[in-house]
């Protein structure tokens, strides 16, 4: 496979991941962090970092809007529930496990 095709496939997979997460607003970021060690905000940070590597300035808010499909504050009001004590405990345990 040539490099251009690989890049196109990776971009398509990324777009599909973003669309999938956009459709699954029931999945909370804290649950993603517990299970996978990343969340929508991580994707936004990675997107902004990739832009910075190309000398393209993208703010944190702009990157989050790209990932969330709307301003983060709006998405948060509509979809983000308060973390439960169980989620917080699981998140802390996952952090300890991943950071040894």
C-alpha atoms as a PDB file:
ATOM      1  CA  UNK A   1       0.000   0.000   0.000  1.00  0.00           C
ATOM      2  CA  UNK A   2       1.382   3.412  -0.895  1.00  0.00           C
ATOM      3  CA  UNK A   3       1.683   6.178   1.699  1.00  0.00           C
ATOM      4  CA  UNK A   4      -1.081   8.342   0.186  1.00  0.00           C
ATOM      5  CA  UNK A   5      -3.582   5.475   0.276  1.00  0.00           C
ATOM      6  CA  UNK A   6      -2.599   4.652   3.848  1.00  0.00           C
ATOM      7  CA  UNK A   7      -3.122   8.283   4.861  1.00  0.00           C
ATOM      8  CA  UNK A   8      -6.523   8.352   3.153  1.00  0.00           C
ATOM      9  CA  UNK A   9      -7.603   5.159   4.912  1.00  0.00           C
ATOM     10  CA  UNK A  10      -6.410   6.450   8.287  1.00  0.00           C
ATOM     11  CA  UNK A  11      -8.279   9.722   7.711  1.00  0.00           C
ATOM     12  CA  UNK A  12     -11.439   7.829   6.768  1.00  0.00           C
ATOM     13  CA  UNK A  13     -11.174   5.673   9.897  1.00  0.00           C
ATOM     14  CA  UNK A  14     -10.675   8.781  12.041  1.00  0.00           C
ATOM     15  CA  UNK A  15     -13.703  10.494  10.481  1.00  0.00           C
ATOM     16  CA  UNK A  16     -15.763   7.379  11.143  1.00  0.00           C
ATOM     17  CA  UNK A  17     -14.599   7.278  14.781  1.00  0.00           C
ATOM     18  CA  UNK A  18     -15.566  10.936  15.242  1.00  0.00           C
ATOM     19  CA  UNK A  19     -18.965  10.308  13.613  1.00  0.00           C
ATOM     20  CA  UNK A  20     -19.521   7.202  15.743  1.00  0.00           C
ATOM     21  CA  UNK A  21     -18.746   9.096  18.943  1.00  0.00           C
ATOM     22  CA  UNK A  22     -21.004  11.894  17.725  1.00  0.00           C
ATOM     23  CA  UNK A  23     -23.856   9.439  17.370  1.00  0.00           C
ATOM     24  CA  UNK A  24     -23.165   7.831  20.749  1.00  0.00           C
ATOM     25  CA  UNK A  25     -23.799  10.809  22.995  1.00  0.00           C
ATOM     26  CA  UNK A  26     -24.924   8.313  25.657  1.00  0.00           C
ATOM     27  CA  UNK A  27     -21.301   7.252  26.091  1.00  0.00           C
ATOM     28  CA  UNK A  28     -19.757   9.531  28.676  1.00  0.00           C
ATOM     29  CA  UNK A  29     -16.165  10.739  28.398  1.00  0.00           C
ATOM     30  CA  UNK A  30     -15.370   9.393  31.848  1.00  0.00           C
ATOM     31  CA  UNK A  31     -16.466   5.917  30.719  1.00  0.00           C
ATOM     32  CA  UNK A  32     -14.208   6.164  27.682  1.00  0.00           C
ATOM     33  CA  UNK A  33     -11.333   7.201  29.947  1.00  0.00           C
ATOM     34  CA  UNK A  34     -11.978   4.304  32.313  1.00  0.00           C
ATOM     35  CA  UNK A  35     -12.164   1.697  29.566  1.00  0.00           C
ATOM     36  CA  UNK A  36      -9.874   3.013  26.862  1.00  0.00           C
ATOM     37  CA  UNK A  37      -7.649   5.650  28.442  1.00  0.00           C
ATOM     38  CA  UNK A  38      -8.811   8.393  26.065  1.00  0.00           C
ATOM     39  CA  UNK A  39     -11.952  10.407  25.374  1.00  0.00           C
ATOM     40  CA  UNK A  40     -13.351  12.991  22.978  1.00  0.00           C
ATOM     41  CA  UNK A  41     -11.264  15.711  24.628  1.00  0.00           C
ATOM     42  CA  UNK A  42      -8.115  13.642  24.037  1.00  0.00           C
ATOM     43  CA  UNK A  43      -9.034  13.356  20.358  1.00  0.00           C
ATOM     44  CA  UNK A  44      -9.474  17.130  20.207  1.00  0.00           C
ATOM     45  CA  UNK A  45      -6.078  17.628  21.853  1.00  0.00           C
ATOM     46  CA  UNK A  46      -4.438  15.207  19.402  1.00  0.00           C
ATOM     47  CA  UNK A  47      -6.113  17.012  16.506  1.00  0.00           C
ATOM     48  CA  UNK A  48      -4.813  20.385  17.706  1.00  0.00           C
ATOM     49  CA  UNK A  49      -1.331  18.917  18.261  1.00  0.00           C
ATOM     50  CA  UNK A  50      -1.290  17.498  14.732  1.00  0.00           C
ATOM     51  CA  UNK A  51      -2.273  20.931  13.405  1.00  0.00           C
ATOM     52  CA  UNK A  52       0.467  22.592  15.451  1.00  0.00           C
ATOM     53  CA  UNK A  53       3.020  20.197  13.939  1.00  0.00           C
ATOM     54  CA  UNK A  54       1.987  21.636  10.552  1.00  0.00           C
ATOM     55  CA  UNK A  55       2.202  25.218  11.911  1.00  0.00           C
ATOM     56  CA  UNK A  56      -1.579  25.536  11.824  1.00  0.00           C
ATOM     57  CA  UNK A  57      -3.024  27.312  14.844  1.00  0.00           C
ATOM     58  CA  UNK A  58      -6.191  25.685  16.150  1.00  0.00           C
ATOM     59  CA  UNK A  59      -7.494  26.652  19.559  1.00  0.00           C
ATOM     60  CA  UNK A  60      -8.646  24.107  22.105  1.00  0.00           C
ATOM     61  CA  UNK A  61     -12.223  25.287  21.569  1.00  0.00           C
ATOM     62  CA  UNK A  62     -11.944  24.958  17.782  1.00  0.00           C
ATOM     63  CA  UNK A  63     -10.525  21.450  18.073  1.00  0.00           C
ATOM     64  CA  UNK A  64     -13.261  20.417  20.484  1.00  0.00           C
ATOM     65  CA  UNK A  65     -15.939  21.840  18.214  1.00  0.00           C
ATOM     66  CA  UNK A  66     -14.540  19.756  15.356  1.00  0.00           C
ATOM     67  CA  UNK A  67     -14.678  16.567  17.461  1.00  0.00           C
ATOM     68  CA  UNK A  68     -18.008  17.267  19.171  1.00  0.00           C
ATOM     69  CA  UNK A  69     -19.726  18.742  16.109  1.00  0.00           C
ATOM     70  CA  UNK A  70     -20.768  21.782  18.126  1.00  0.00           C
ATOM     71  CA  UNK A  71     -19.284  24.024  20.815  1.00  0.00           C
ATOM     72  CA  UNK A  72     -18.174  21.869  23.730  1.00  0.00           C
ATOM     73  CA  UNK A  73     -20.224  23.891  26.225  1.00  0.00           C
ATOM     74  CA  UNK A  74     -23.377  23.170  24.225  1.00  0.00           C
ATOM     75  CA  UNK A  75     -22.585  19.447  23.930  1.00  0.00           C
ATOM     76  CA  UNK A  76     -21.794  19.270  27.643  1.00  0.00           C
ATOM     77  CA  UNK A  77     -25.132  20.865  28.604  1.00  0.00           C
ATOM     78  CA  UNK A  78     -27.056  18.449  26.385  1.00  0.00           C
ATOM     79  CA  UNK A  79     -25.215  15.195  26.969  1.00  0.00           C
ATOM     80  CA  UNK A  80     -22.751  15.150  29.854  1.00  0.00           C
ATOM     81  CA  UNK A  81     -24.080  13.723  33.090  1.00  0.00           C
ATOM     82  CA  UNK A  82     -22.523  14.342  36.473  1.00  0.00           C
ATOM     83  CA  UNK A  83     -19.976  11.616  37.212  1.00  0.00           C
ATOM     84  CA  UNK A  84     -21.180   9.118  39.770  1.00  0.00           C
ATOM     85  CA  UNK A  85     -19.059   8.130  42.763  1.00  0.00           C
ATOM     86  CA  UNK A  86     -18.623   4.724  41.098  1.00  0.00           C
ATOM     87  CA  UNK A  87     -17.354   6.307  37.874  1.00  0.00           C
ATOM     88  CA  UNK A  88     -14.941   8.522  39.787  1.00  0.00           C
ATOM     89  CA  UNK A  89     -13.597   5.529  41.745  1.00  0.00           C
ATOM     90  CA  UNK A  90     -13.221   3.481  38.550  1.00  0.00           C
ATOM     91  CA  UNK A  91     -11.482   6.400  36.821  1.00  0.00           C
ATOM     92  CA  UNK A  92      -9.048   6.819  39.707  1.00  0.00           C
ATOM     93  CA  UNK A  93      -8.324   3.081  39.737  1.00  0.00           C
ATOM     94  CA  UNK A  94      -7.743   3.102  35.971  1.00  0.00           C
ATOM     95  CA  UNK A  95      -5.377   6.082  36.317  1.00  0.00           C
ATOM     96  CA  UNK A  96      -3.355   4.305  39.010  1.00  0.00           C
ATOM     97  CA  UNK A  97      -3.191   1.174  36.890  1.00  0.00           C
ATOM     98  CA  UNK A  98      -2.006   3.024  33.786  1.00  0.00           C
ATOM     99  CA  UNK A  99       0.488   5.180  35.653  1.00  0.00           C
ATOM    100  CA  UNK A 100       1.872   2.299  37.676  1.00  0.00           C
END
